[in-house]
Amino acid sequence: LSVNSLINPIKIPLRVDRDSLFDLLRVRMILELSAVKEVALKATEDERSKMERIVENMNKCIKDNRIDDYVLEDIEFHKTIIKCTHNKILIEIFDFIYEIMLKGIKLNLEFKGAVEEGYKRHKEVLEKIKIKDKAGAELALKKHFEMTKKNIEKIKPI
């Protein structure tokens, strides 16, 4: 039994518009801000190394102007944070919202400087996780979500 098997029959209709992106952001804040504090303290060296590789890949994608690949790395970073909690239900919930996140991140990155700023924010989260700074990791992720919120506000309502 998985969360997906319980939710999928319902087929929650979520369009990727400004309002649903705000809703998604609120859900992500609830899930990820809690998770990143736990991960900052409990992530293994291998898990930290994986996050570091993802952030390095994000930087390479920017340099090579591979924005679609950057989006996938961005999502992988957030998925990795969730996976590092080792909470199966949380992982299932996050997998459910993955597709909406994919479309939402692509929309957010259309704004000038958003990719570079996003990379900077991810790197800050990683640095706090690496030094096991629970409060710092949470604050860095909050800043990332604030940037995301500002970009969503720029999207014209339907």
C-alpha atoms as a PDB file:
ATOM      1  CA  LEU A   1       0.000   0.000   0.000  1.00  0.00           C
ATOM      2  CA  SER A   2       1.410   3.392  -0.998  1.00  0.00           C
ATOM      3  CA  VAL A   3       0.286   6.985  -0.829  1.00  0.00           C
ATOM      4  CA  ASN A   4       0.175   7.030  -4.646  1.00  0.00           C
ATOM      5  CA  SER A   5      -2.224   4.091  -4.731  1.00  0.00           C
ATOM      6  CA  LEU A   6      -4.487   5.910  -2.317  1.00  0.00           C
ATOM      7  CA  ILE A   7      -4.324   9.290  -4.045  1.00  0.00           C
ATOM      8  CA  ASN A   8      -4.100   8.368  -7.732  1.00  0.00           C
ATOM      9  CA  PRO A   9      -7.648   7.013  -8.001  1.00  0.00           C
ATOM     10  CA  ILE A  10      -8.844  10.432  -6.868  1.00  0.00           C
ATOM     11  CA  LYS A  11      -6.891  12.179  -9.646  1.00  0.00           C
ATOM     12  CA  ILE A  12      -6.574  15.527  -7.938  1.00  0.00           C
ATOM     13  CA  PRO A  13      -6.905  18.037 -10.788  1.00  0.00           C
ATOM     14  CA  LEU A  14      -3.987  20.418 -10.483  1.00  0.00           C
ATOM     15  CA  ARG A  15      -3.397  22.805 -13.325  1.00  0.00           C
ATOM     16  CA  VAL A  16      -0.049  24.470 -13.412  1.00  0.00           C
ATOM     17  CA  ASP A  17      -1.224  28.014 -12.926  1.00  0.00           C
ATOM     18  CA  ARG A  18      -0.301  30.738 -10.478  1.00  0.00           C
ATOM     19  CA  ASP A  19      -2.759  29.632  -7.765  1.00  0.00           C
ATOM     20  CA  SER A  20      -1.791  25.962  -7.889  1.00  0.00           C
ATOM     21  CA  LEU A  21       1.903  26.910  -7.810  1.00  0.00           C
ATOM     22  CA  PHE A  22       1.277  28.908  -4.625  1.00  0.00           C
ATOM     23  CA  ASP A  23      -0.526  25.878  -3.176  1.00  0.00           C
ATOM     24  CA  LEU A  24       2.329  23.612  -4.193  1.00  0.00           C
ATOM     25  CA  LEU A  25       4.862  25.977  -2.648  1.00  0.00           C
ATOM     26  CA  ARG A  26       2.992  25.894   0.665  1.00  0.00           C
ATOM     27  CA  VAL A  27       2.970  22.080   0.597  1.00  0.00           C
ATOM     28  CA  ARG A  28       6.672  22.002  -0.214  1.00  0.00           C
ATOM     29  CA  MET A  29       7.434  24.401   2.620  1.00  0.00           C
ATOM     30  CA  ILE A  30       5.602  22.172   5.088  1.00  0.00           C
ATOM     31  CA  LEU A  31       7.413  19.058   3.871  1.00  0.00           C
ATOM     32  CA  GLU A  32      10.871  20.316   3.033  1.00  0.00           C
ATOM     33  CA  LEU A  33      11.494  22.813   5.821  1.00  0.00           C
ATOM     34  CA  SER A  34      10.837  20.086   8.330  1.00  0.00           C
ATOM     35  CA  ALA A  35      12.889  17.554   6.370  1.00  0.00           C
ATOM     36  CA  VAL A  36      15.943  19.777   5.840  1.00  0.00           C
ATOM     37  CA  LYS A  37      16.393  20.276   9.597  1.00  0.00           C
ATOM     38  CA  GLU A  38      16.433  16.520  10.143  1.00  0.00           C
ATOM     39  CA  VAL A  39      18.709  15.931   7.165  1.00  0.00           C
ATOM     40  CA  ALA A  40      21.207  18.564   8.320  1.00  0.00           C
ATOM     41  CA  LEU A  41      21.757  16.521  11.465  1.00  0.00           C
ATOM     42  CA  LYS A  42      21.339  12.961  10.195  1.00  0.00           C
ATOM     43  CA  ALA A  43      22.518  12.792   6.566  1.00  0.00           C
ATOM     44  CA  THR A  44      25.348  10.350   5.988  1.00  0.00           C
ATOM     45  CA  GLU A  45      28.583  11.330   4.295  1.00  0.00           C
ATOM     46  CA  ASP A  46      27.397   9.515   1.143  1.00  0.00           C
ATOM     47  CA  GLU A  47      24.121  11.443   1.180  1.00  0.00           C
ATOM     48  CA  ARG A  48      25.955  14.748   1.616  1.00  0.00           C
ATOM     49  CA  SER A  49      28.286  13.810  -1.239  1.00  0.00           C
ATOM     50  CA  LYS A  50      25.309  13.036  -3.468  1.00  0.00           C
ATOM     51  CA  MET A  51      23.830  16.486  -2.758  1.00  0.00           C
ATOM     52  CA  GLU A  52      27.196  18.049  -3.499  1.00  0.00           C
ATOM     53  CA  ARG A  53      27.398  16.257  -6.866  1.00  0.00           C
ATOM     54  CA  ILE A  54      23.893  17.463  -7.730  1.00  0.00           C
ATOM     55  CA  VAL A  55      24.802  21.081  -6.965  1.00  0.00           C
ATOM     56  CA  GLU A  56      27.995  20.718  -9.032  1.00  0.00           C
ATOM     57  CA  ASN A  57      25.882  19.345 -11.900  1.00  0.00           C
ATOM     58  CA  MET A  58      23.522  22.321 -11.573  1.00  0.00           C
ATOM     59  CA  ASN A  59      26.497  24.642 -12.034  1.00  0.00           C
ATOM     60  CA  LYS A  60      27.670  22.702 -15.102  1.00  0.00           C
ATOM     61  CA  CYS A  61      24.179  22.901 -16.582  1.00  0.00           C
ATOM     62  CA  ILE A  62      24.204  26.690 -16.173  1.00  0.00           C
ATOM     63  CA  LYS A  63      27.626  26.986 -17.803  1.00  0.00           C
ATOM     64  CA  ASP A  64      26.516  24.763 -20.713  1.00  0.00           C
ATOM     65  CA  ASN A  65      23.119  26.523 -20.978  1.00  0.00           C
ATOM     66  CA  ARG A  66      21.267  23.219 -20.452  1.00  0.00           C
ATOM     67  CA  ILE A  67      18.283  24.615 -18.595  1.00  0.00           C
ATOM     68  CA  ASP A  68      16.088  21.509 -18.949  1.00  0.00           C
ATOM     69  CA  ASP A  69      18.861  19.441 -17.348  1.00  0.00           C
ATOM     70  CA  TYR A  70      19.230  22.104 -14.659  1.00  0.00           C
ATOM     71  CA  VAL A  71      15.536  21.698 -13.815  1.00  0.00           C
ATOM     72  CA  LEU A  72      15.993  17.943 -13.393  1.00  0.00           C
ATOM     73  CA  GLU A  73      19.016  18.486 -11.123  1.00  0.00           C
ATOM     74  CA  ASP A  74      17.041  21.072  -9.127  1.00  0.00           C
ATOM     75  CA  ILE A  75      14.260  18.577  -8.512  1.00  0.00           C
ATOM     76  CA  GLU A  76      16.761  15.826  -7.750  1.00  0.00           C
ATOM     77  CA  PHE A  77      18.287  18.019  -5.042  1.00  0.00           C
ATOM     78  CA  HIS A  78      14.916  18.436  -3.340  1.00  0.00           C
ATOM     79  CA  LYS A  79      14.069  14.751  -3.805  1.00  0.00           C
ATOM     80  CA  THR A  80      17.393  13.845  -2.214  1.00  0.00           C
ATOM     81  CA  ILE A  81      16.629  15.965   0.833  1.00  0.00           C
ATOM     82  CA  ILE A  82      13.338  14.112   1.205  1.00  0.00           C
ATOM     83  CA  LYS A  83      14.959  10.704   0.586  1.00  0.00           C
ATOM     84  CA  CYS A  84      17.577  11.427   3.261  1.00  0.00           C
ATOM     85  CA  THR A  85      14.807  11.445   5.875  1.00  0.00           C
ATOM     86  CA  HIS A  86      14.282   7.727   5.120  1.00  0.00           C
ATOM     87  CA  ASN A  87      10.578   8.347   5.713  1.00  0.00           C
ATOM     88  CA  LYS A  88       8.760   6.170   3.174  1.00  0.00           C
ATOM     89  CA  ILE A  89       5.453   8.042   3.401  1.00  0.00           C
ATOM     90  CA  LEU A  90       7.138  11.428   2.946  1.00  0.00           C
ATOM     91  CA  ILE A  91       9.029  10.088  -0.064  1.00  0.00           C
ATOM     92  CA  GLU A  92       5.771   8.793  -1.609  1.00  0.00           C
ATOM     93  CA  ILE A  93       4.061  12.144  -1.071  1.00  0.00           C
ATOM     94  CA  PHE A  94       6.971  13.974  -2.663  1.00  0.00           C
ATOM     95  CA  ASP A  95       6.961  11.588  -5.650  1.00  0.00           C
ATOM     96  CA  PHE A  96       3.292  12.416  -6.138  1.00  0.00           C
ATOM     97  CA  ILE A  97       3.974  16.145  -6.490  1.00  0.00           C
ATOM     98  CA  TYR A  98       7.069  15.659  -8.685  1.00  0.00           C
ATOM     99  CA  GLU A  99       5.322  16.323 -12.019  1.00  0.00           C
ATOM    100  CA  ILE A 100       3.737  19.521 -10.806  1.00  0.00           C
ATOM    101  CA  MET A 101       7.106  20.628  -9.446  1.00  0.00           C
ATOM    102  CA  LEU A 102       8.732  19.954 -12.801  1.00  0.00           C
ATOM    103  CA  LYS A 103       6.343  22.278 -14.628  1.00  0.00           C
ATOM    104  CA  GLY A 104       6.429  24.850 -11.843  1.00  0.00           C
ATOM    105  CA  ILE A 105      10.219  25.067 -11.719  1.00  0.00           C
ATOM    106  CA  LYS A 106      10.354  25.516 -15.485  1.00  0.00           C
ATOM    107  CA  LEU A 107       7.959  28.460 -15.191  1.00  0.00           C
ATOM    108  CA  ASN A 108       9.941  29.984 -12.310  1.00  0.00           C
ATOM    109  CA  LEU A 109      13.203  29.818 -14.237  1.00  0.00           C
ATOM    110  CA  GLU A 110      11.882  31.898 -17.126  1.00  0.00           C
ATOM    111  CA  PHE A 111      12.649  35.088 -15.202  1.00  0.00           C
ATOM    112  CA  LYS A 112      15.957  36.887 -15.696  1.00  0.00           C
ATOM    113  CA  GLY A 113      18.584  35.726 -13.214  1.00  0.00           C
ATOM    114  CA  ALA A 114      16.346  33.017 -11.716  1.00  0.00           C
ATOM    115  CA  VAL A 115      18.626  30.124 -12.683  1.00  0.00           C
ATOM    116  CA  GLU A 116      21.733  31.714 -11.201  1.00  0.00           C
ATOM    117  CA  GLU A 117      19.870  32.786  -8.061  1.00  0.00           C
ATOM    118  CA  GLY A 118      18.376  29.304  -7.717  1.00  0.00           C
ATOM    119  CA  TYR A 119      21.824  27.747  -7.963  1.00  0.00           C
ATOM    120  CA  LYS A 120      23.120  30.124  -5.283  1.00  0.00           C
ATOM    121  CA  ARG A 121      20.239  29.190  -2.957  1.00  0.00           C
ATOM    122  CA  HIS A 122      20.760  25.455  -3.440  1.00  0.00           C
ATOM    123  CA  LYS A 123      24.456  25.859  -2.740  1.00  0.00           C
ATOM    124  CA  GLU A 124      23.648  27.729   0.503  1.00  0.00           C
ATOM    125  CA  VAL A 125      21.330  24.920   1.630  1.00  0.00           C
ATOM    126  CA  LEU A 126      24.034  22.370   0.842  1.00  0.00           C
ATOM    127  CA  GLU A 127      26.711  24.303   2.752  1.00  0.00           C
ATOM    128  CA  LYS A 128      24.526  24.401   5.869  1.00  0.00           C
ATOM    129  CA  ILE A 129      23.737  20.684   5.579  1.00  0.00           C
ATOM    130  CA  LYS A 130      27.450  19.889   5.213  1.00  0.00           C
ATOM    131  CA  ILE A 131      28.271  21.607   8.508  1.00  0.00           C
ATOM    132  CA  LYS A 132      25.199  20.095  10.207  1.00  0.00           C
ATOM    133  CA  ASP A 133      23.680  23.529  10.817  1.00  0.00           C
ATOM    134  CA  LYS A 134      20.006  22.668  11.296  1.00  0.00           C
ATOM    135  CA  ALA A 135      18.776  26.268  11.728  1.00  0.00           C
ATOM    136  CA  GLY A 136      21.006  27.517   8.918  1.00  0.00           C
ATOM    137  CA  ALA A 137      19.755  24.858   6.516  1.00  0.00           C
ATOM    138  CA  GLU A 138      16.162  25.760   7.329  1.00  0.00           C
ATOM    139  CA  LEU A 139      16.858  29.478   6.850  1.00  0.00           C
ATOM    140  CA  ALA A 140      18.677  28.902   3.555  1.00  0.00           C
ATOM    141  CA  LEU A 141      15.764  26.821   2.262  1.00  0.00           C
ATOM    142  CA  LYS A 142      13.291  29.494   3.427  1.00  0.00           C
ATOM    143  CA  LYS A 143      15.238  32.054   1.375  1.00  0.00           C
ATOM    144  CA  HIS A 144      15.020  29.727  -1.607  1.00  0.00           C
ATOM    145  CA  PHE A 145      11.263  29.418  -1.170  1.00  0.00           C
ATOM    146  CA  GLU A 146      10.936  33.212  -0.803  1.00  0.00           C
ATOM    147  CA  MET A 147      12.680  33.616  -4.155  1.00  0.00           C
ATOM    148  CA  THR A 148      10.331  31.015  -5.639  1.00  0.00           C
ATOM    149  CA  LYS A 149       7.332  32.874  -4.222  1.00  0.00           C
ATOM    150  CA  LYS A 150       8.505  36.152  -5.800  1.00  0.00           C
ATOM    151  CA  ASN A 151       8.823  34.427  -9.162  1.00  0.00           C
ATOM    152  CA  ILE A 152       5.348  32.899  -8.859  1.00  0.00           C
ATOM    153  CA  GLU A 153       3.981  36.368  -8.102  1.00  0.00           C
ATOM    154  CA  LYS A 154       5.350  37.493 -11.500  1.00  0.00           C
ATOM    155  CA  ILE A 155       3.263  34.876 -13.325  1.00  0.00           C
ATOM    156  CA  LYS A 156       0.074  36.348 -14.724  1.00  0.00           C
ATOM    157  CA  PRO A 157      -3.069  34.885 -13.145  1.00  0.00           C
ATOM    158  CA  ILE A 158      -5.325  32.881 -15.479  1.00  0.00           C
END
